Protein backbone atom coordinates (compact mmCIF):
# COMPACT_ATOMS: atom_id res chain seq x y z
CA MET A 1 15.35 46.09 -65.14
CA HIS A 2 18.25 43.81 -64.32
CA PHE A 3 19.77 40.42 -64.94
CA GLY A 4 21.34 38.27 -61.89
CA HIS A 5 21.21 34.20 -60.99
CA THR A 6 20.11 33.91 -57.77
CA SER A 7 19.41 30.47 -55.59
CA GLY A 8 17.66 28.54 -52.31
CA VAL A 9 19.17 27.10 -50.35
CA ASP A 10 17.87 23.57 -51.40
CA GLY A 11 15.99 24.72 -54.36
CA PRO A 12 16.45 25.26 -57.78
CA ALA A 13 17.90 28.45 -59.38
CA THR A 14 15.97 31.71 -60.74
CA ILE A 15 17.16 33.68 -63.27
CA ASP A 16 15.91 37.30 -61.65
CA TYR A 17 14.28 39.78 -64.01
CA GLY A 18 13.05 42.46 -62.33
CA LEU A 19 9.93 44.47 -61.99
CA ILE A 20 7.70 43.62 -64.96
CA GLY A 21 4.53 45.85 -64.15
CA ASN A 22 4.07 45.53 -60.51
CA SER A 23 5.10 42.05 -59.85
CA ARG A 24 8.71 40.43 -59.87
CA VAL A 25 9.07 38.13 -62.43
CA MET A 26 11.21 35.31 -61.39
CA ALA A 27 11.98 32.46 -64.53
CA THR A 28 12.78 28.91 -62.35
CA VAL A 29 16.31 27.65 -63.97
CA GLU A 30 17.36 23.87 -62.95
CA HIS A 31 20.48 22.46 -64.49
CA VAL A 32 19.87 18.73 -65.29
CA ASP A 33 22.09 15.88 -65.89
CA ASP A 34 19.39 12.87 -65.97
CA PRO A 35 18.54 12.31 -69.43
CA ASP A 36 15.71 9.86 -68.16
CA ASP A 37 14.34 13.08 -65.89
CA PRO A 38 10.65 12.73 -66.04
CA ARG A 39 9.87 16.28 -66.50
CA LEU A 40 12.03 16.48 -69.51
CA ALA A 41 9.28 13.99 -71.41
CA ASP A 42 8.04 16.43 -73.71
CA TYR A 43 11.40 16.01 -75.36
CA VAL A 44 12.83 12.63 -75.12
CA GLY A 45 13.67 10.83 -78.26
CA LEU A 46 12.54 13.69 -80.95
CA THR A 47 13.90 11.52 -84.00
CA ASP A 48 12.51 11.83 -87.81
CA ALA A 49 11.25 8.60 -87.28
CA ASP A 50 8.72 10.44 -84.68
CA ARG A 51 6.34 12.26 -86.67
CA ARG A 52 3.85 13.05 -84.49
CA ARG A 53 3.08 16.16 -81.98
CA ARG A 54 3.16 15.01 -78.75
CA GLY A 55 -0.05 15.20 -76.81
CA ASP A 56 -1.33 19.01 -76.02
CA VAL A 57 2.17 20.01 -76.47
CA PHE A 58 4.34 21.20 -79.85
CA LEU A 59 8.14 22.22 -79.94
CA CYS A 60 10.05 25.16 -81.09
CA GLU A 61 13.69 24.48 -82.06
CA SER A 62 15.84 27.24 -81.94
CA VAL A 63 16.71 30.68 -80.42
CA LEU A 64 14.62 32.24 -83.08
CA VAL A 65 11.95 30.10 -83.32
CA ILE A 66 11.62 30.24 -79.45
CA ARG A 67 11.56 33.79 -79.41
CA ARG A 68 8.77 33.87 -82.21
CA ALA A 69 6.68 31.83 -79.72
CA ILE A 70 7.06 34.39 -77.33
CA GLU A 71 6.34 37.66 -79.97
CA THR A 72 3.18 35.77 -80.82
CA GLY A 73 1.93 35.26 -77.30
CA THR A 74 2.37 31.41 -77.20
CA GLU A 75 2.40 30.00 -74.16
CA LEU A 76 5.53 28.02 -73.25
CA GLN A 77 5.30 25.27 -71.05
CA SER A 78 8.70 24.48 -70.59
CA VAL A 79 12.17 25.54 -71.89
CA LEU A 80 15.42 23.06 -72.46
CA VAL A 81 18.58 24.81 -73.27
CA THR A 82 22.60 24.21 -73.04
CA PRO A 83 24.12 27.14 -71.11
CA ALA A 84 25.48 29.22 -74.08
CA LYS A 85 22.13 29.10 -75.56
CA LEU A 86 20.37 30.39 -72.18
CA VAL A 87 22.47 33.44 -72.19
CA GLU A 88 20.96 34.32 -75.62
CA LEU A 89 17.09 33.92 -74.18
CA GLU A 90 17.95 35.45 -71.12
CA PRO A 91 16.41 38.62 -72.33
CA ASP A 92 13.68 37.02 -74.06
CA LEU A 93 12.49 35.29 -71.17
CA ALA A 94 11.80 37.91 -68.72
CA ALA A 95 8.31 38.52 -68.97
CA LEU A 96 7.76 34.54 -68.40
CA ASP A 97 6.57 32.64 -65.83
CA VAL A 98 8.24 29.47 -67.00
CA SER A 99 10.71 26.53 -66.07
CA VAL A 100 13.73 26.37 -68.04
CA PHE A 101 16.06 23.34 -68.14
CA VAL A 102 19.60 23.66 -68.67
CA ALA A 103 21.66 20.57 -69.87
CA THR A 104 25.39 20.35 -71.21
CA GLN A 105 25.57 19.65 -75.58
CA PRO A 106 25.97 15.57 -74.82
CA VAL A 107 23.27 15.70 -72.23
CA MET A 108 20.74 17.15 -74.39
CA ASN A 109 21.77 15.04 -76.94
CA GLN A 110 20.65 11.88 -75.27
CA ILE A 111 17.48 13.25 -73.94
CA THR A 112 16.35 14.24 -77.87
CA GLY A 113 18.05 11.13 -79.52
CA PHE A 114 19.90 13.26 -81.94
CA ALA A 115 22.49 15.95 -82.27
CA ILE A 116 20.62 19.03 -81.66
CA HIS A 117 23.19 21.73 -82.67
CA ARG A 118 20.79 24.72 -82.30
CA GLY A 119 20.90 24.12 -78.48
CA ALA A 120 17.66 25.34 -77.52
CA ILE A 121 14.25 23.61 -77.51
CA ALA A 122 10.86 24.93 -76.10
CA ALA A 123 7.49 22.74 -75.24
CA ALA A 124 4.49 25.16 -76.04
CA THR A 125 0.99 25.27 -76.47
CA PRO A 126 -0.67 24.96 -79.59
CA PRO A 127 -2.71 27.83 -80.59
CA ALA A 128 -6.55 27.66 -80.78
CA HIS A 129 -7.74 26.84 -84.26
CA ALA A 130 -9.74 30.26 -85.78
CA THR A 131 -12.89 29.01 -87.07
CA LEU A 132 -13.19 28.36 -91.39
CA ASP A 133 -15.09 31.81 -91.58
CA ALA A 134 -12.83 33.97 -89.78
CA LEU A 135 -9.79 32.67 -92.27
CA LEU A 136 -11.93 32.59 -95.35
CA THR A 137 -11.89 36.50 -95.16
CA ALA A 138 -8.31 37.07 -96.55
CA PRO A 139 -7.22 38.12 -100.01
CA THR A 140 -4.94 35.30 -100.83
CA ILE A 141 -5.24 32.04 -98.97
CA ALA A 142 -3.70 28.76 -100.24
CA VAL A 143 -5.37 25.23 -99.99
CA LEU A 144 -3.05 22.31 -99.68
CA GLU A 145 -3.45 18.49 -100.67
CA SER A 146 -1.62 15.73 -99.56
CA ILE A 147 1.65 17.68 -98.70
CA ASN A 148 3.43 14.74 -96.77
CA ASP A 149 7.29 16.50 -96.41
CA HIS A 150 7.16 18.93 -93.13
CA GLU A 151 10.06 20.43 -94.62
CA ASN A 152 8.68 21.61 -97.56
CA LEU A 153 5.45 22.25 -95.47
CA GLY A 154 7.40 24.61 -93.13
CA SER A 155 8.70 26.27 -96.01
CA LEU A 156 5.67 26.77 -97.77
CA PHE A 157 4.43 28.60 -94.24
CA ARG A 158 7.15 30.83 -94.35
CA ASN A 159 6.04 31.57 -98.06
CA ALA A 160 2.85 32.40 -96.92
CA ALA A 161 4.09 34.77 -94.32
CA ALA A 162 6.67 36.57 -96.75
CA PHE A 163 3.65 37.30 -99.18
CA GLY A 164 1.26 38.10 -97.34
CA VAL A 165 -0.78 35.09 -97.84
CA GLY A 166 -3.81 35.13 -95.15
CA ALA A 167 -4.35 31.78 -94.28
CA VAL A 168 -3.99 28.00 -95.09
CA LEU A 169 -6.00 25.31 -95.25
CA LEU A 170 -5.24 21.75 -94.99
CA ASP A 171 -6.58 18.28 -96.53
CA PRO A 172 -7.36 15.70 -93.95
CA VAL A 173 -3.89 13.94 -94.66
CA THR A 174 -1.81 16.78 -94.66
CA VAL A 175 1.25 16.24 -92.17
CA ASP A 176 0.88 18.79 -89.37
CA PRO A 177 2.25 22.09 -89.64
CA LEU A 178 3.36 21.57 -85.64
CA TYR A 179 5.45 19.28 -85.97
CA ARG A 180 9.18 20.07 -84.89
CA ARG A 181 10.78 20.00 -88.20
CA SER A 182 8.01 22.22 -89.69
CA VAL A 183 7.80 24.70 -87.07
CA ARG A 184 11.45 24.97 -87.13
CA VAL A 185 11.71 25.19 -90.92
CA SER A 186 9.09 27.98 -91.23
CA LEU A 187 11.18 30.17 -88.56
CA GLY A 188 8.30 29.98 -86.66
CA HIS A 189 5.59 31.53 -88.92
CA VAL A 190 3.48 28.22 -88.57
CA MET A 191 2.12 30.35 -85.51
CA THR A 192 1.95 33.56 -87.64
CA VAL A 193 -0.13 32.45 -90.24
CA PRO A 194 -3.87 30.88 -89.38
CA HIS A 195 -4.68 27.40 -90.62
CA ARG A 196 -7.04 24.41 -90.01
CA ARG A 197 -8.22 21.44 -91.81
CA LEU A 198 -10.68 21.12 -94.02
CA ASP A 199 -12.28 17.78 -93.07
CA ASP A 200 -14.60 17.03 -95.45
CA TRP A 201 -12.36 16.77 -98.54
CA PRO A 202 -12.77 17.75 -101.32
CA ALA A 203 -16.31 18.99 -100.78
CA GLY A 204 -14.93 21.81 -98.75
CA LEU A 205 -13.61 23.43 -101.43
CA GLU A 206 -17.18 24.69 -102.62
CA ASP A 207 -17.00 26.35 -98.96
CA VAL A 208 -13.91 28.84 -100.13
CA ARG A 209 -15.98 28.98 -103.32
CA ARG A 210 -19.03 30.04 -101.73
CA ALA A 211 -17.33 32.62 -99.78
CA GLY A 212 -16.33 34.41 -102.80
CA TYR A 213 -12.98 32.64 -103.89
CA GLN A 214 -11.51 31.68 -107.21
CA LEU A 215 -10.07 27.99 -106.67
CA VAL A 216 -6.81 28.06 -108.59
CA ALA A 217 -5.05 25.38 -109.26
CA LEU A 218 -0.99 24.73 -109.53
CA THR A 219 -0.27 22.34 -111.93
CA PRO A 220 2.83 21.54 -114.46
CA SER A 221 0.38 20.24 -117.16
CA ALA A 222 0.95 21.89 -120.43
CA ASP A 223 -2.24 22.86 -121.30
CA ALA A 224 -2.61 25.04 -118.10
CA GLU A 225 -2.84 28.91 -118.36
CA PRO A 226 0.44 30.68 -117.68
CA ILE A 227 0.75 31.91 -113.67
CA ASP A 228 0.40 35.68 -115.58
CA THR A 229 -2.84 34.92 -115.84
CA VAL A 230 -3.94 34.92 -112.59
CA PRO A 231 -6.30 37.64 -111.40
CA VAL A 232 -4.46 40.16 -109.77
CA THR A 233 -7.58 41.45 -107.40
CA GLY A 234 -10.68 39.49 -105.82
CA LYS A 235 -10.33 36.65 -104.19
CA VAL A 236 -8.14 33.79 -105.03
CA ALA A 237 -7.29 30.52 -103.39
CA PHE A 238 -4.30 28.23 -104.85
CA LEU A 239 -4.59 24.79 -104.63
CA LEU A 240 -1.15 22.95 -104.13
CA GLY A 241 -0.61 19.50 -104.25
CA ALA A 242 2.27 17.17 -103.09
CA GLU A 243 5.63 17.00 -105.33
CA GLY A 244 5.59 13.93 -107.60
CA PRO A 245 1.76 12.91 -107.83
CA GLY A 246 0.17 16.84 -107.81
CA LEU A 247 -3.34 17.63 -107.12
CA SER A 248 -5.83 14.90 -107.35
CA SER A 249 -8.04 14.73 -110.12
CA ALA A 250 -11.24 15.88 -107.61
CA ALA A 251 -9.40 18.51 -106.63
CA LEU A 252 -8.24 19.89 -110.25
CA ASP A 253 -11.90 18.89 -111.10
CA ALA A 254 -13.07 21.53 -108.34
CA ALA A 255 -10.73 23.99 -109.39
CA ASP A 256 -12.06 27.14 -111.36
CA ARG A 257 -8.92 27.65 -113.51
CA HIS A 258 -5.79 25.53 -113.87
CA VAL A 259 -2.25 27.74 -113.98
CA ARG A 260 1.22 26.78 -114.34
CA ILE A 261 4.67 28.73 -114.06
CA PRO A 262 6.49 28.04 -117.06
CA VAL A 263 9.92 26.64 -116.79
CA SER A 264 12.59 25.03 -118.78
CA PRO A 265 12.00 22.14 -121.02
CA ALA A 266 14.60 20.18 -119.11
CA VAL A 267 12.52 20.28 -115.70
CA ASP A 268 9.35 18.98 -115.62
CA SER A 269 8.54 20.54 -112.17
CA LEU A 270 9.44 23.06 -109.19
CA ASN A 271 9.23 21.93 -105.40
CA VAL A 272 6.43 22.71 -104.21
CA ALA A 273 7.42 25.18 -101.55
CA THR A 274 8.99 26.92 -104.70
CA ALA A 275 6.23 26.93 -106.77
CA ALA A 276 3.96 28.73 -104.01
CA ALA A 277 6.41 31.09 -103.57
CA ILE A 278 6.53 32.13 -107.25
CA ALA A 279 2.44 32.27 -107.20
CA PHE A 280 2.33 33.97 -103.78
CA HIS A 281 4.77 36.59 -104.84
CA HIS A 282 2.43 37.00 -108.16
CA ARG A 283 -0.26 38.36 -106.61
CA PHE A 284 1.76 39.89 -103.72
CA ARG A 285 3.59 42.82 -106.18
CA ALA A 286 0.23 43.48 -107.58
CA GLY A 287 -1.06 44.59 -104.05
């Protein structure tokens, strides 16, 4: 396999990646200098106020996350990079038939609406959702209620991947795991840990229980059991709520047991992603 740039007389440049199997793969590369180019619509105005995924794509920001997408077989619809990041990503794009748009850092900042220091972002097709029955086979899962911070959600998915949590279920109001910031903070692990919504909330928790799970609610309440009492065998579903309000009374009532992570009296509670990591690790080290 070799790398080289070629270009037609009037057409865009291509990166010649040599033979992949029996065919020659050519990623189409075009330099852009117009922030209003309609082909870049998926990347326009990605400010923090824009909390929603765009249509039928989600965004993978940074070289690392784009590589994770490629490793997991996620379909990339296009890639937007600075010249320096194109050089980094060339080997990873070798087997892909994808449009790659190259812009200077100032132009990329104009397109996205902020200083995108990572210099690489891709528009990708969302993964297909697994069925609930398929997800309710893992020994350990997480069930999330009202998680409203994208970075906390991304960290939680990264922790789930690190400690062998097999699936994540989300209530109807938890934010979108495929929002750009969540994907980035998770280091792309929202693509490796399967997830889906439990639309019937909290009644859907009964489906989890019927699948053989013990529902373990994490709470800072002083009368909850210490985390060390969580079973190390059998199927466990950890219930986690947003920082501040925590789990609703309905979710707490549906749980089989309440557990807490002992902390210093000077601190009333932990960040939800931190608490999740401790709980996940408790199960992981036992396995």
